[in-house]
Amino acid sequence: MMSPNKNILSSDVEIKGSLKFSNDLIIDGKIDGEVSSDGSLTVGENALVTGEIHTKSVIIFGRVKGNITVTERCELKSSASLEGDVVAGTLAIEEGATFMGKSSVGKAAVASAQKQNAKTGS
């Protein structure tokens, strides 16, 4: 059963520009731009996200080209492909996932990333 506050962007949706949401979002289409939220993001198997992701947590089944900063958990499923750096409280990578980039994991990494963002104003 799906909770009523889950938003879904289906595979025929393409967005260019920044995307902000609250609660949960499932993307199965193409996003070209920054995605930011204090909620959870699911990148579906058909999805391609090109740009920065700043959320509470993210689960990736599809493709992401860009850096990810999450305060809690980043999960790369076996079908996932990520080109970019990850800063996360915890990081889980399933066998078969593709990850090209560097990762900083733990509360200290998240805190320092948030300080950097505050300085740069992003």
PDB file of N, CA and C in Angstrom:
ATOM      1  N   MET A   1       0.828  -1.192   0.000  1.00  0.00           N
ATOM      2  CA  MET A   1       0.000   0.000   0.000  1.00  0.00           C
ATOM      3  C   MET A   1       0.872   1.255   0.000  1.00  0.00           C
ATOM      4  N   MET A   2       0.530   2.204  -0.840  1.00  0.00           N
ATOM      5  CA  MET A   2       1.334   3.419  -0.915  1.00  0.00           C
ATOM      6  C   MET A   2       0.745   4.488  -0.002  1.00  0.00           C
ATOM      7  N   SER A   3       1.636   5.195   0.672  1.00  0.00           N
ATOM      8  CA  SER A   3       1.161   6.284   1.518  1.00  0.00           C
ATOM      9  C   SER A   3       0.773   7.459   0.626  1.00  0.00           C
ATOM     10  N   PRO A   4      -0.196   8.259   1.038  1.00  0.00           N
ATOM     11  CA  PRO A   4      -0.696   9.328   0.181  1.00  0.00           C
ATOM     12  C   PRO A   4       0.323  10.436  -0.079  1.00  0.00           C
ATOM     13  N   ASN A   5       1.393  10.514   0.720  1.00  0.00           N
ATOM     14  CA  ASN A   5       2.341  11.599   0.522  1.00  0.00           C
ATOM     15  C   ASN A   5       3.548  11.190  -0.322  1.00  0.00           C
ATOM     16  N   LYS A   6       3.426  10.089  -1.089  1.00  0.00           N
ATOM     17  CA  LYS A   6       4.479   9.710  -2.030  1.00  0.00           C
ATOM     18  C   LYS A   6       4.153  10.313  -3.380  1.00  0.00           C
ATOM     19  N   ASN A   7       5.078  11.088  -3.912  1.00  0.00           N
ATOM     20  CA  ASN A   7       4.900  11.688  -5.225  1.00  0.00           C
ATOM     21  C   ASN A   7       5.661  10.850  -6.241  1.00  0.00           C
ATOM     22  N   ILE A   8       5.074  10.658  -7.424  1.00  0.00           N
ATOM     23  CA  ILE A   8       5.715   9.833  -8.437  1.00  0.00           C
ATOM     24  C   ILE A   8       5.835  10.621  -9.736  1.00  0.00           C
ATOM     25  N   LEU A   9       7.046  10.640 -10.293  1.00  0.00           N
ATOM     26  CA  LEU A   9       7.250  11.188 -11.639  1.00  0.00           C
ATOM     27  C   LEU A   9       7.518   9.991 -12.535  1.00  0.00           C
ATOM     28  N   SER A  10       6.592   9.705 -13.471  1.00  0.00           N
ATOM     29  CA  SER A  10       6.700   8.486 -14.269  1.00  0.00           C
ATOM     30  C   SER A  10       7.776   8.599 -15.350  1.00  0.00           C
ATOM     31  N   SER A  11       8.016   7.492 -16.056  1.00  0.00           N
ATOM     32  CA  SER A  11       9.147   7.412 -16.986  1.00  0.00           C
ATOM     33  C   SER A  11       9.016   8.348 -18.178  1.00  0.00           C
ATOM     34  N   ASP A  12       7.798   8.852 -18.479  1.00  0.00           N
ATOM     35  CA  ASP A  12       7.672   9.772 -19.615  1.00  0.00           C
ATOM     36  C   ASP A  12       7.827  11.240 -19.210  1.00  0.00           C
ATOM     37  N   VAL A  13       8.220  11.488 -17.951  1.00  0.00           N
ATOM     38  CA  VAL A  13       8.401  12.865 -17.482  1.00  0.00           C
ATOM     39  C   VAL A  13       9.865  13.273 -17.624  1.00  0.00           C
ATOM     40  N   GLU A  14      10.083  14.480 -18.190  1.00  0.00           N
ATOM     41  CA  GLU A  14      11.428  15.049 -18.255  1.00  0.00           C
ATOM     42  C   GLU A  14      11.386  16.433 -17.656  1.00  0.00           C
ATOM     43  N   ILE A  15      12.306  16.711 -16.750  1.00  0.00           N
ATOM     44  CA  ILE A  15      12.353  18.016 -16.096  1.00  0.00           C
ATOM     45  C   ILE A  15      13.744  18.602 -16.249  1.00  0.00           C
ATOM     46  N   LYS A  16      13.794  19.876 -16.688  1.00  0.00           N
ATOM     47  CA  LYS A  16      15.052  20.609 -16.701  1.00  0.00           C
ATOM     48  C   LYS A  16      14.913  21.742 -15.703  1.00  0.00           C
ATOM     49  N   GLY A  17      15.809  21.791 -14.730  1.00  0.00           N
ATOM     50  CA  GLY A  17      15.738  22.820 -13.695  1.00  0.00           C
ATOM     51  C   GLY A  17      15.730  22.196 -12.316  1.00  0.00           C
ATOM     52  N   SER A  18      15.700  23.029 -11.289  1.00  0.00           N
ATOM     53  CA  SER A  18      15.767  22.484  -9.932  1.00  0.00           C
ATOM     54  C   SER A  18      14.424  21.926  -9.503  1.00  0.00           C
ATOM     55  N   LEU A  19      14.511  20.892  -8.701  1.00  0.00           N
ATOM     56  CA  LEU A  19      13.316  20.207  -8.221  1.00  0.00           C
ATOM     57  C   LEU A  19      13.373  20.184  -6.701  1.00  0.00           C
ATOM     58  N   LYS A  20      12.321  20.715  -6.063  1.00  0.00           N
ATOM     59  CA  LYS A  20      12.242  20.687  -4.600  1.00  0.00           C
ATOM     60  C   LYS A  20      10.964  19.977  -4.212  1.00  0.00           C
ATOM     61  N   PHE A  21      11.029  19.164  -3.157  1.00  0.00           N
ATOM     62  CA  PHE A  21       9.837  18.463  -2.686  1.00  0.00           C
ATOM     63  C   PHE A  21       9.971  18.192  -1.201  1.00  0.00           C
ATOM     64  N   SER A  22       8.852  17.821  -0.581  1.00  0.00           N
ATOM     65  CA  SER A  22       8.922  17.381   0.807  1.00  0.00           C
ATOM     66  C   SER A  22       8.365  15.964   0.860  1.00  0.00           C
ATOM     67  N   ASN A  23       8.537  15.284   1.963  1.00  0.00           N
ATOM     68  CA  ASN A  23       8.151  13.871   2.116  1.00  0.00           C
ATOM     69  C   ASN A  23       8.944  12.987   1.162  1.00  0.00           C
ATOM     70  N   ASP A  24       8.231  12.151   0.361  1.00  0.00           N
ATOM     71  CA  ASP A  24       8.919  11.173  -0.485  1.00  0.00           C
ATOM     72  C   ASP A  24       8.637  11.427  -1.953  1.00  0.00           C
ATOM     73  N   LEU A  25       9.639  11.169  -2.792  1.00  0.00           N
ATOM     74  CA  LEU A  25       9.467  11.302  -4.237  1.00  0.00           C
ATOM     75  C   LEU A  25      10.090  10.106  -4.926  1.00  0.00           C
ATOM     76  N   ILE A  26       9.345   9.532  -5.888  1.00  0.00           N
ATOM     77  CA  ILE A  26       9.868   8.461  -6.725  1.00  0.00           C
ATOM     78  C   ILE A  26      10.003   9.034  -8.129  1.00  0.00           C
ATOM     79  N   ILE A  27      11.232   9.004  -8.663  1.00  0.00           N
ATOM     80  CA  ILE A  27      11.483   9.514 -10.011  1.00  0.00           C
ATOM     81  C   ILE A  27      11.751   8.321 -10.911  1.00  0.00           C
ATOM     82  N   ASP A  28      11.029   8.229 -12.026  1.00  0.00           N
ATOM     83  CA  ASP A  28      11.328   7.181 -12.996  1.00  0.00           C
ATOM     84  C   ASP A  28      11.640   7.808 -14.356  1.00  0.00           C
ATOM     85  N   GLY A  29      11.621   9.134 -14.399  1.00  0.00           N
ATOM     86  CA  GLY A  29      11.884   9.847 -15.650  1.00  0.00           C
ATOM     87  C   GLY A  29      13.267  10.475 -15.657  1.00  0.00           C
ATOM     88  N   LYS A  30      13.411  11.585 -16.404  1.00  0.00           N
ATOM     89  CA  LYS A  30      14.705  12.260 -16.521  1.00  0.00           C
ATOM     90  C   LYS A  30      14.657  13.602 -15.821  1.00  0.00           C
ATOM     91  N   ILE A  31      15.659  13.852 -14.999  1.00  0.00           N
ATOM     92  CA  ILE A  31      15.796  15.138 -14.330  1.00  0.00           C
ATOM     93  C   ILE A  31      17.156  15.699 -14.706  1.00  0.00           C
ATOM     94  N   ASP A  32      17.165  16.942 -15.189  1.00  0.00           N
ATOM     95  CA  ASP A  32      18.415  17.622 -15.492  1.00  0.00           C
ATOM     96  C   ASP A  32      18.451  18.863 -14.613  1.00  0.00           C
ATOM     97  N   GLY A  33      19.097  18.770 -13.465  1.00  0.00           N
ATOM     98  CA  GLY A  33      19.140  19.873 -12.520  1.00  0.00           C
ATOM     99  C   GLY A  33      19.238  19.372 -11.100  1.00  0.00           C
ATOM    100  N   GLU A  34      19.247  20.311 -10.176  1.00  0.00           N
ATOM    101  CA  GLU A  34      19.427  19.955  -8.772  1.00  0.00           C
ATOM    102  C   GLU A  34      18.131  19.436  -8.155  1.00  0.00           C
ATOM    103  N   VAL A  35      18.246  18.399  -7.324  1.00  0.00           N
ATOM    104  CA  VAL A  35      17.104  17.865  -6.589  1.00  0.00           C
ATOM    105  C   VAL A  35      17.379  18.081  -5.107  1.00  0.00           C
ATOM    106  N   SER A  36      16.476  18.794  -4.416  1.00  0.00           N
ATOM    107  CA  SER A  36      16.721  19.021  -2.996  1.00  0.00           C
ATOM    108  C   SER A  36      15.446  18.836  -2.183  1.00  0.00           C
ATOM    109  N   SER A  37      15.627  18.245  -0.998  1.00  0.00           N
ATOM    110  CA  SER A  37      14.491  17.959  -0.137  1.00  0.00           C
ATOM    111  C   SER A  37      14.976  17.544   1.239  1.00  0.00           C
ATOM    112  N   ASP A  38      14.088  17.683   2.234  1.00  0.00           N
ATOM    113  CA  ASP A  38      14.406  17.103   3.538  1.00  0.00           C
ATOM    114  C   ASP A  38      13.715  15.742   3.652  1.00  0.00           C
ATOM    115  N   GLY A  39      13.237  15.224   2.527  1.00  0.00           N
ATOM    116  CA  GLY A  39      12.575  13.925   2.490  1.00  0.00           C
ATOM    117  C   GLY A  39      13.431  12.867   1.824  1.00  0.00           C
ATOM    118  N   SER A  40      12.766  11.800   1.358  1.00  0.00           N
ATOM    119  CA  SER A  40      13.468  10.662   0.760  1.00  0.00           C
ATOM    120  C   SER A  40      13.218  10.617  -0.736  1.00  0.00           C
ATOM    121  N   LEU A  41      14.269  10.284  -1.486  1.00  0.00           N
ATOM    122  CA  LEU A  41      14.194  10.198  -2.943  1.00  0.00           C
ATOM    123  C   LEU A  41      14.448   8.767  -3.372  1.00  0.00           C
ATOM    124  N   THR A  42      13.608   8.268  -4.299  1.00  0.00           N
ATOM    125  CA  THR A  42      13.864   6.979  -4.931  1.00  0.00           C
ATOM    126  C   THR A  42      14.061   7.236  -6.414  1.00  0.00           C
ATOM    127  N   VAL A  43      15.209   6.815  -6.935  1.00  0.00           N
ATOM    128  CA  VAL A  43      15.517   6.955  -8.358  1.00  0.00           C
ATOM    129  C   VAL A  43      15.216   5.607  -8.999  1.00  0.00           C
ATOM    130  N   GLY A  44      14.129   5.544  -9.779  1.00  0.00           N
ATOM    131  CA  GLY A  44      13.659   4.292 -10.366  1.00  0.00           C
ATOM    132  C   GLY A  44      14.579   3.737 -11.441  1.00  0.00           C
ATOM    133  N   GLU A  45      14.316   2.497 -11.875  1.00  0.00           N
ATOM    134  CA  GLU A  45      15.180   1.816 -12.844  1.00  0.00           C
ATOM    135  C   GLU A  45      15.294   2.533 -14.176  1.00  0.00           C
ATOM    136  N   ASN A  46      14.221   3.226 -14.599  1.00  0.00           N
ATOM    137  CA  ASN A  46      14.250   3.940 -15.884  1.00  0.00           C
ATOM    138  C   ASN A  46      14.799   5.354 -15.765  1.00  0.00           C
ATOM    139  N   ALA A  47      15.064   5.789 -14.537  1.00  0.00           N
ATOM    140  CA  ALA A  47      15.396   7.192 -14.297  1.00  0.00           C
ATOM    141  C   ALA A  47      16.833   7.536 -14.643  1.00  0.00           C
ATOM    142  N   LEU A  48      17.013   8.799 -15.048  1.00  0.00           N
ATOM    143  CA  LEU A  48      18.340   9.388 -15.212  1.00  0.00           C
ATOM    144  C   LEU A  48      18.299  10.753 -14.558  1.00  0.00           C
ATOM    145  N   VAL A  49      19.093  10.934 -13.503  1.00  0.00           N
ATOM    146  CA  VAL A  49      19.194  12.226 -12.837  1.00  0.00           C
ATOM    147  C   VAL A  49      20.576  12.783 -13.124  1.00  0.00           C
ATOM    148  N   THR A  50      20.613  13.960 -13.773  1.00  0.00           N
ATOM    149  CA  THR A  50      21.878  14.625 -14.063  1.00  0.00           C
ATOM    150  C   THR A  50      21.919  15.898 -13.234  1.00  0.00           C
ATOM    151  N   GLY A  51      22.680  15.891 -12.159  1.00  0.00           N
ATOM    152  CA  GLY A  51      22.751  17.050 -11.272  1.00  0.00           C
ATOM    153  C   GLY A  51      22.915  16.625  -9.832  1.00  0.00           C
ATOM    154  N   GLU A  52      23.068  17.614  -8.982  1.00  0.00           N
ATOM    155  CA  GLU A  52      23.283  17.374  -7.550  1.00  0.00           C
ATOM    156  C   GLU A  52      22.004  16.883  -6.879  1.00  0.00           C
ATOM    157  N   ILE A  53      22.175  15.997  -5.906  1.00  0.00           N
ATOM    158  CA  ILE A  53      21.043  15.548  -5.091  1.00  0.00           C
ATOM    159  C   ILE A  53      21.362  15.863  -3.635  1.00  0.00           C
ATOM    160  N   HIS A  54      20.458  16.613  -2.986  1.00  0.00           N
ATOM    161  CA  HIS A  54      20.591  16.946  -1.556  1.00  0.00           C
ATOM    162  C   HIS A  54      19.288  16.539  -0.885  1.00  0.00           C
ATOM    163  N   THR A  55      19.258  15.362  -0.256  1.00  0.00           N
ATOM    164  CA  THR A  55      18.038  14.900   0.403  1.00  0.00           C
ATOM    165  C   THR A  55      18.385  14.261   1.743  1.00  0.00           C
ATOM    166  N   LYS A  56      17.344  13.809   2.444  1.00  0.00           N
ATOM    167  CA  LYS A  56      17.571  13.107   3.708  1.00  0.00           C
ATOM    168  C   LYS A  56      18.125  11.714   3.419  1.00  0.00           C
ATOM    169  N   SER A  57      17.490  11.020   2.447  1.00  0.00           N
ATOM    170  CA  SER A  57      17.981   9.698   2.058  1.00  0.00           C
ATOM    171  C   SER A  57      17.646   9.463   0.590  1.00  0.00           C
ATOM    172  N   VAL A  58      18.384   8.536  -0.030  1.00  0.00           N
ATOM    173  CA  VAL A  58      18.151   8.237  -1.448  1.00  0.00           C
ATOM    174  C   VAL A  58      18.366   6.753  -1.692  1.00  0.00           C
ATOM    175  N   ILE A  59      17.479   6.168  -2.503  1.00  0.00           N
ATOM    176  CA  ILE A  59      17.635   4.785  -2.960  1.00  0.00           C
ATOM    177  C   ILE A  59      17.709   4.855  -4.480  1.00  0.00           C
ATOM    178  N   ILE A  60      18.778   4.290  -5.048  1.00  0.00           N
ATOM    179  CA  ILE A  60      18.989   4.403  -6.493  1.00  0.00           C
ATOM    180  C   ILE A  60      18.883   3.037  -7.159  1.00  0.00           C
ATOM    181  N   PHE A  61      17.927   2.937  -8.102  1.00  0.00           N
ATOM    182  CA  PHE A  61      17.806   1.756  -8.959  1.00  0.00           C
ATOM    183  C   PHE A  61      18.303   2.100 -10.358  1.00  0.00           C
ATOM    184  N   GLY A  62      18.233   3.378 -10.721  1.00  0.00           N
ATOM    185  CA  GLY A  62      18.580   3.836 -12.073  1.00  0.00           C
ATOM    186  C   GLY A  62      19.933   4.515 -12.118  1.00  0.00           C
ATOM    187  N   ARG A  63      20.030   5.595 -12.948  1.00  0.00           N
ATOM    188  CA  ARG A  63      21.321   6.248 -13.163  1.00  0.00           C
ATOM    189  C   ARG A  63      21.325   7.663 -12.588  1.00  0.00           C
ATOM    190  N   VAL A  64      22.453   8.003 -11.945  1.00  0.00           N
ATOM    191  CA  VAL A  64      22.663   9.353 -11.436  1.00  0.00           C
ATOM    192  C   VAL A  64      24.032   9.819 -11.889  1.00  0.00           C
ATOM    193  N   LYS A  65      24.070  11.025 -12.502  1.00  0.00           N
ATOM    194  CA  LYS A  65      25.340  11.660 -12.858  1.00  0.00           C
ATOM    195  C   LYS A  65      25.390  12.963 -12.095  1.00  0.00           C
ATOM    196  N   GLY A  66      26.092  12.966 -10.990  1.00  0.00           N
ATOM    197  CA  GLY A  66      26.173  14.149 -10.142  1.00  0.00           C
ATOM    198  C   GLY A  66      26.456  13.744  -8.716  1.00  0.00           C
ATOM    199  N   ASN A  67      26.805  14.727  -7.895  1.00  0.00           N
ATOM    200  CA  ASN A  67      27.155  14.445  -6.512  1.00  0.00           C
ATOM    201  C   ASN A  67      25.901  14.306  -5.650  1.00  0.00           C
ATOM    202  N   ILE A  68      25.992  13.432  -4.657  1.00  0.00           N
ATOM    203  CA  ILE A  68      24.871  13.168  -3.754  1.00  0.00           C
ATOM    204  C   ILE A  68      25.294  13.519  -2.333  1.00  0.00           C
ATOM    205  N   THR A  69      24.468  14.321  -1.665  1.00  0.00           N
ATOM    206  CA  THR A  69      24.689  14.612  -0.246  1.00  0.00           C
ATOM    207  C   THR A  69      23.398  14.286   0.484  1.00  0.00           C
ATOM    208  N   VAL A  70      23.442  13.272   1.348  1.00  0.00           N
ATOM    209  CA  VAL A  70      22.261  12.896   2.135  1.00  0.00           C
ATOM    210  C   VAL A  70      22.636  12.862   3.610  1.00  0.00           C
ATOM    211  N   THR A  71      21.713  13.316   4.451  1.00  0.00           N
ATOM    212  CA  THR A  71      22.008  13.356   5.883  1.00  0.00           C
ATOM    213  C   THR A  71      21.935  11.965   6.497  1.00  0.00           C
ATOM    214  N   GLU A  72      21.125  11.079   5.901  1.00  0.00           N
ATOM    215  CA  GLU A  72      20.989   9.738   6.462  1.00  0.00           C
ATOM    216  C   GLU A  72      21.587   8.669   5.550  1.00  0.00           C
ATOM    217  N   ARG A  73      20.766   7.974   4.763  1.00  0.00           N
ATOM    218  CA  ARG A  73      21.223   6.782   4.057  1.00  0.00           C
ATOM    219  C   ARG A  73      21.213   6.940   2.538  1.00  0.00           C
ATOM    220  N   CYS A  74      22.277   6.461   1.904  1.00  0.00           N
ATOM    221  CA  CYS A  74      22.350   6.368   0.450  1.00  0.00           C
ATOM    222  C   CYS A  74      22.475   4.895   0.102  1.00  0.00           C
ATOM    223  N   GLU A  75      21.561   4.415  -0.742  1.00  0.00           N
ATOM    224  CA  GLU A  75      21.530   2.989  -1.077  1.00  0.00           C
ATOM    225  C   GLU A  75      21.621   2.833  -2.587  1.00  0.00           C
ATOM    226  N   LEU A  76      22.631   2.079  -3.047  1.00  0.00           N
ATOM    227  CA  LEU A  76      22.771   1.784  -4.475  1.00  0.00           C
ATOM    228  C   LEU A  76      22.342   0.340  -4.696  1.00  0.00           C
ATOM    229  N   LYS A  77      21.242   0.143  -5.423  1.00  0.00           N
ATOM    230  CA  LYS A  77      20.749  -1.196  -5.718  1.00  0.00           C
ATOM    231  C   LYS A  77      21.588  -1.808  -6.843  1.00  0.00           C
ATOM    232  N   SER A  78      21.420  -3.113  -7.104  1.00  0.00           N
ATOM    233  CA  SER A  78      22.275  -3.802  -8.073  1.00  0.00           C
ATOM    234  C   SER A  78      22.190  -3.207  -9.478  1.00  0.00           C
ATOM    235  N   SER A  79      21.042  -2.593  -9.815  1.00  0.00           N
ATOM    236  CA  SER A  79      20.870  -2.012 -11.152  1.00  0.00           C
ATOM    237  C   SER A  79      21.364  -0.562 -11.223  1.00  0.00           C
ATOM    238  N   ALA A  80      21.862  -0.020 -10.116  1.00  0.00           N
ATOM    239  CA  ALA A  80      22.214   1.404 -10.039  1.00  0.00           C
ATOM    240  C   ALA A  80      23.526   1.720 -10.737  1.00  0.00           C
ATOM    241  N   SER A  81      23.596   2.941 -11.264  1.00  0.00           N
ATOM    242  CA  SER A  81      24.833   3.477 -11.813  1.00  0.00           C
ATOM    243  C   SER A  81      24.991   4.899 -11.297  1.00  0.00           C
ATOM    244  N   LEU A  82      26.072   5.164 -10.592  1.00  0.00           N
ATOM    245  CA  LEU A  82      26.321   6.493 -10.039  1.00  0.00           C
ATOM    246  C   LEU A  82      27.683   6.992 -10.490  1.00  0.00           C
ATOM    247  N   GLU A  83      27.685   8.171 -11.153  1.00  0.00           N
ATOM    248  CA  GLU A  83      28.934   8.856 -11.478  1.00  0.00           C
ATOM    249  C   GLU A  83      28.934  10.141 -10.690  1.00  0.00           C
ATOM    250  N   GLY A  84      29.659  10.160  -9.584  1.00  0.00           N
ATOM    251  CA  GLY A  84      29.698  11.346  -8.739  1.00  0.00           C
ATOM    252  C   GLY A  84      30.093  10.961  -7.330  1.00  0.00           C
ATOM    253  N   ASP A  85      30.309  11.964  -6.525  1.00  0.00           N
ATOM    254  CA  ASP A  85      30.741  11.735  -5.150  1.00  0.00           C
ATOM    255  C   ASP A  85      29.543  11.634  -4.216  1.00  0.00           C
ATOM    256  N   VAL A  86      29.716  10.862  -3.150  1.00  0.00           N
ATOM    257  CA  VAL A  86      28.651  10.666  -2.176  1.00  0.00           C
ATOM    258  C   VAL A  86      29.120  11.134  -0.803  1.00  0.00           C
ATOM    259  N   VAL A  87      28.271  11.922  -0.149  1.00  0.00           N
ATOM    260  CA  VAL A  87      28.451  12.228   1.269  1.00  0.00           C
ATOM    261  C   VAL A  87      27.180  11.739   1.944  1.00  0.00           C
ATOM    262  N   ALA A  88      27.300  10.812   2.896  1.00  0.00           N
ATOM    263  CA  ALA A  88      26.115  10.203   3.495  1.00  0.00           C
ATOM    264  C   ALA A  88      26.396   9.760   4.920  1.00  0.00           C
ATOM    265  N   GLY A  89      25.330   9.683   5.707  1.00  0.00           N
ATOM    266  CA  GLY A  89      25.441   9.127   7.054  1.00  0.00           C
ATOM    267  C   GLY A  89      25.812   7.659   6.974  1.00  0.00           C
ATOM    268  N   THR A  90      25.090   6.905   6.112  1.00  0.00           N
ATOM    269  CA  THR A  90      25.441   5.514   5.833  1.00  0.00           C
ATOM    270  C   THR A  90      25.329   5.276   4.328  1.00  0.00           C
ATOM    271  N   LEU A  91      26.132   4.352   3.841  1.00  0.00           N
ATOM    272  CA  LEU A  91      26.163   4.036   2.414  1.00  0.00           C
ATOM    273  C   LEU A  91      26.070   2.522   2.245  1.00  0.00           C
ATOM    274  N   ALA A  92      25.097   2.084   1.428  1.00  0.00           N
ATOM    275  CA  ALA A  92      24.933   0.653   1.154  1.00  0.00           C
ATOM    276  C   ALA A  92      25.012   0.450  -0.353  1.00  0.00           C
ATOM    277  N   ILE A  93      25.901  -0.438  -0.789  1.00  0.00           N
ATOM    278  CA  ILE A  93      26.071  -0.698  -2.219  1.00  0.00           C
ATOM    279  C   ILE A  93      25.869  -2.183  -2.476  1.00  0.00           C
ATOM    280  N   GLU A  94      24.852  -2.517  -3.274  1.00  0.00           N
ATOM    281  CA  GLU A  94      24.602  -3.919  -3.611  1.00  0.00           C
ATOM    282  C   GLU A  94      25.579  -4.385  -4.689  1.00  0.00           C
ATOM    283  N   GLU A  95      25.829  -5.688  -4.697  1.00  0.00           N
ATOM    284  CA  GLU A  95      26.672  -6.284  -5.721  1.00  0.00           C
ATOM    285  C   GLU A  95      26.043  -6.022  -7.084  1.00  0.00           C
ATOM    286  N   GLY A  96      26.874  -5.584  -8.047  1.00  0.00           N
ATOM    287  CA  GLY A  96      26.371  -5.302  -9.384  1.00  0.00           C
ATOM    288  C   GLY A  96      26.190  -3.815  -9.646  1.00  0.00           C
ATOM    289  N   ALA A  97      26.115  -3.016  -8.583  1.00  0.00           N
ATOM    290  CA  ALA A  97      25.966  -1.566  -8.756  1.00  0.00           C
ATOM    291  C   ALA A  97      27.266  -0.977  -9.281  1.00  0.00           C
ATOM    292  N   THR A  98      27.153   0.086 -10.076  1.00  0.00           N
ATOM    293  CA  THR A  98      28.325   0.790 -10.599  1.00  0.00           C
ATOM    294  C   THR A  98      28.461   2.110  -9.860  1.00  0.00           C
ATOM    295  N   PHE A  99      29.644   2.362  -9.293  1.00  0.00           N
ATOM    296  CA  PHE A  99      29.883   3.605  -8.556  1.00  0.00           C
ATOM    297  C   PHE A  99      31.238   4.152  -8.948  1.00  0.00           C
ATOM    298  N   MET A 100      31.233   5.307  -9.630  1.00  0.00           N
ATOM    299  CA  MET A 100      32.480   5.975  -9.987  1.00  0.00           C
ATOM    300  C   MET A 100      32.521   7.318  -9.291  1.00  0.00           C
ATOM    301  N   GLY A 101      33.366   7.429  -8.288  1.00  0.00           N
ATOM    302  CA  GLY A 101      33.467   8.661  -7.515  1.00  0.00           C
ATOM    303  C   GLY A 101      34.030   8.338  -6.161  1.00  0.00           C
ATOM    304  N   LYS A 102      34.059   9.338  -5.279  1.00  0.00           N
ATOM    305  CA  LYS A 102      34.553   9.055  -3.937  1.00  0.00           C
ATOM    306  C   LYS A 102      33.429   9.205  -2.931  1.00  0.00           C
ATOM    307  N   SER A 103      33.591   8.552  -1.794  1.00  0.00           N
ATOM    308  CA  SER A 103      32.536   8.603  -0.790  1.00  0.00           C
ATOM    309  C   SER A 103      33.099   9.052   0.551  1.00  0.00           C
ATOM    310  N   SER A 104      32.321   9.859   1.263  1.00  0.00           N
ATOM    311  CA  SER A 104      32.611  10.251   2.638  1.00  0.00           C
ATOM    312  C   SER A 104      31.394   9.837   3.448  1.00  0.00           C
ATOM    313  N   VAL A 105      31.609   8.927   4.393  1.00  0.00           N
ATOM    314  CA  VAL A 105      30.479   8.354   5.111  1.00  0.00           C
ATOM    315  C   VAL A 105      30.631   8.593   6.610  1.00  0.00           C
ATOM    316  N   GLY A 106      29.507   8.888   7.254  1.00  0.00           N
ATOM    317  CA  GLY A 106      29.503   9.089   8.699  1.00  0.00           C
ATOM    318  C   GLY A 106      28.971  10.461   9.057  1.00  0.00           C
ATOM    319  N   LYS A 107      28.619  10.624  10.317  1.00  0.00           N
ATOM    320  CA  LYS A 107      28.047  11.895  10.782  1.00  0.00           C
ATOM    321  C   LYS A 107      29.000  13.061  10.570  1.00  0.00           C
ATOM    322  N   ALA A 108      30.303  12.835  10.787  1.00  0.00           N
ATOM    323  CA  ALA A 108      31.295  13.913  10.641  1.00  0.00           C
ATOM    324  C   ALA A 108      31.366  14.392   9.193  1.00  0.00           C
ATOM    325  N   ALA A 109      31.289  13.451   8.244  1.00  0.00           N
ATOM    326  CA  ALA A 109      31.338  13.797   6.821  1.00  0.00           C
ATOM    327  C   ALA A 109      30.143  14.659   6.444  1.00  0.00           C
ATOM    328  N   VAL A 110      28.959  14.280   6.941  1.00  0.00           N
ATOM    329  CA  VAL A 110      27.735  15.028   6.646  1.00  0.00           C
ATOM    330  C   VAL A 110      27.818  16.424   7.253  1.00  0.00           C
ATOM    331  N   ALA A 111      28.297  16.514   8.495  1.00  0.00           N
ATOM    332  CA  ALA A 111      28.403  17.810   9.170  1.00  0.00           C
ATOM    333  C   ALA A 111      29.348  18.739   8.419  1.00  0.00           C
ATOM    334  N   SER A 112      30.487  18.218   7.950  1.00  0.00           N
ATOM    335  CA  SER A 112      31.441  19.082   7.248  1.00  0.00           C
ATOM    336  C   SER A 112      30.896  19.497   5.885  1.00  0.00           C
ATOM    337  N   ALA A 113      30.126  18.611   5.222  1.00  0.00           N
ATOM    338  CA  ALA A 113      29.513  18.966   3.935  1.00  0.00           C
ATOM    339  C   ALA A 113      28.476  20.072   4.135  1.00  0.00           C
ATOM    340  N   GLN A 114      27.722  19.996   5.224  1.00  0.00           N
ATOM    341  CA  GLN A 114      26.714  21.022   5.494  1.00  0.00           C
ATOM    342  C   GLN A 114      27.373  22.365   5.809  1.00  0.00           C
ATOM    343  N   LYS A 115      28.528  22.334   6.487  1.00  0.00           N
ATOM    344  CA  LYS A 115      29.272  23.574   6.757  1.00  0.00           C
ATOM    345  C   LYS A 115      29.765  24.173   5.448  1.00  0.00           C
ATOM    346  N   GLN A 116      30.293  23.323   4.552  1.00  0.00           N
ATOM    347  CA  GLN A 116      30.759  23.792   3.233  1.00  0.00           C
ATOM    348  C   GLN A 116      29.610  24.466   2.495  1.00  0.00           C
ATOM    349  N   ASN A 117      28.443  23.837   2.464  1.00  0.00           N
ATOM    350  CA  ASN A 117      27.282  24.379   1.757  1.00  0.00           C
ATOM    351  C   ASN A 117      26.858  25.711   2.357  1.00  0.00           C
ATOM    352  N   ALA A 118      26.933  25.838   3.670  1.00  0.00           N
ATOM    353  CA  ALA A 118      26.549  27.083   4.329  1.00  0.00           C
ATOM    354  C   ALA A 118      27.505  28.209   3.909  1.00  0.00           C
ATOM    355  N   LYS A 119      28.803  27.864   3.791  1.00  0.00           N
ATOM    356  CA  LYS A 119      29.801  28.864   3.383  1.00  0.00           C
ATOM    357  C   LYS A 119      29.580  29.321   1.947  1.00  0.00           C
ATOM    358  N   THR A 120      29.313  28.344   1.038  1.00  0.00           N
ATOM    359  CA  THR A 120      29.169  28.680  -0.378  1.00  0.00           C
ATOM    360  C   THR A 120      27.773  29.208  -0.695  1.00  0.00           C
ATOM    361  N   GLY A 121      26.862  29.048   0.246  1.00  0.00           N
ATOM    362  CA  GLY A 121      25.510  29.559   0.063  1.00  0.00           C
ATOM    363  C   GLY A 121      24.629  28.683  -0.807  1.00  0.00           C
ATOM    364  N   SER A 122      25.042  27.417  -1.006  1.00  0.00           N
ATOM    365  CA  SER A 122      24.199  26.522  -1.825  1.00  0.00           C
ATOM    366  C   SER A 122      23.301  25.674  -0.972  1.00  0.00           C
TER     367      SER A 122
END
